[in-house]
Amino acid sequence: MKIYSERFLIKYLFSDTGLCLGVDTKKSSFLFLVSKQGIILRRRPVGDRIVENLDYEIPEIHAALKSEEREV
């Protein structure tokens, strides 16, 4: 089960596999992810759509963020 909202200042995603919170500012976005694989806090570009692009699936979001980390 997934519950999410993109309408408020703090965007949220609650699912059986974890929790994801996002905050957008004028200069950047912040993503806080808690899952079975661990906790991630990342600063992202404004308008980042990683959560939407990965269909609100927390394990896939976590894997994508970790792979980006390895590339840098």
Protein backbone atom coordinates (compact mmCIF):
# COMPACT_ATOMS: atom_id res chain seq x y z
CA MET A 1 0.00 0.00 0.00
CA LYS A 2 1.26 3.50 -0.86
CA ILE A 3 0.01 6.86 0.37
CA TYR A 4 1.56 9.97 -1.11
CA SER A 5 0.93 13.65 -1.71
CA GLU A 6 2.62 16.16 -4.00
CA ARG A 7 0.32 19.05 -3.02
CA PHE A 8 1.81 20.35 0.23
CA LEU A 9 5.07 22.11 1.10
CA ILE A 10 6.38 18.81 2.48
CA LYS A 11 5.76 16.05 -0.02
CA TYR A 12 5.37 12.63 1.50
CA LEU A 13 5.27 8.97 0.57
CA PHE A 14 4.35 6.28 3.06
CA SER A 15 4.49 2.67 1.95
CA ASP A 16 4.94 -0.82 3.33
CA THR A 17 8.62 -0.58 2.43
CA GLY A 18 9.47 2.78 3.99
CA LEU A 19 9.00 6.52 4.18
CA CYS A 20 10.06 9.33 1.87
CA LEU A 21 9.75 13.06 2.58
CA GLY A 22 10.63 15.88 0.21
CA VAL A 23 10.88 19.64 0.67
CA ASP A 24 11.29 22.07 -2.24
CA THR A 25 12.90 25.47 -1.86
CA LYS A 26 13.77 28.08 -4.48
CA LYS A 27 17.40 26.92 -4.63
CA SER A 28 17.17 23.14 -4.12
CA SER A 29 15.09 20.18 -3.04
CA PHE A 30 15.74 17.94 -0.07
CA LEU A 31 14.87 14.26 0.03
CA PHE A 32 14.73 12.18 3.22
CA LEU A 33 14.30 8.44 2.69
CA VAL A 34 13.94 5.71 5.30
CA SER A 35 13.80 2.10 4.15
CA LYS A 36 14.96 -1.36 5.16
CA GLN A 37 18.19 -0.64 3.30
CA GLY A 38 18.96 2.42 5.44
CA ILE A 39 18.45 6.17 5.78
CA ILE A 40 19.35 8.71 3.11
CA LEU A 41 19.25 12.51 3.21
CA ARG A 42 20.10 14.19 -0.09
CA ARG A 43 20.04 17.66 -1.54
CA ARG A 44 18.66 17.47 -5.08
CA PRO A 45 18.24 19.91 -7.96
CA VAL A 46 15.09 22.06 -8.04
CA GLY A 47 12.27 20.23 -9.79
CA ASP A 48 13.87 16.81 -9.31
CA ARG A 49 11.37 14.07 -10.19
CA ILE A 50 13.22 10.91 -9.12
CA VAL A 51 10.35 9.79 -6.88
CA GLU A 52 7.73 10.26 -9.59
CA ASN A 53 9.93 8.73 -12.31
CA LEU A 54 10.43 5.58 -10.24
CA ASP A 55 6.67 5.22 -9.67
CA TYR A 56 6.82 5.93 -5.92
CA GLU A 57 8.66 2.64 -5.23
CA ILE A 58 10.96 3.17 -2.24
CA PRO A 59 13.39 0.28 -2.93
CA GLU A 60 13.97 1.59 -6.47
CA ILE A 61 14.41 5.17 -5.23
CA HIS A 62 16.93 4.00 -2.64
CA ALA A 63 18.87 2.01 -5.26
CA ALA A 64 18.92 4.96 -7.67
CA LEU A 65 20.18 7.36 -5.00
CA LYS A 66 22.91 4.90 -3.98
CA SER A 67 24.00 4.37 -7.60
CA GLU A 68 24.24 8.16 -8.09
CA GLU A 69 26.40 8.30 -4.98
CA ARG A 70 28.81 5.72 -6.42
CA GLU A 71 29.07 7.61 -9.73
CA VAL A 72 30.27 10.82 -8.04
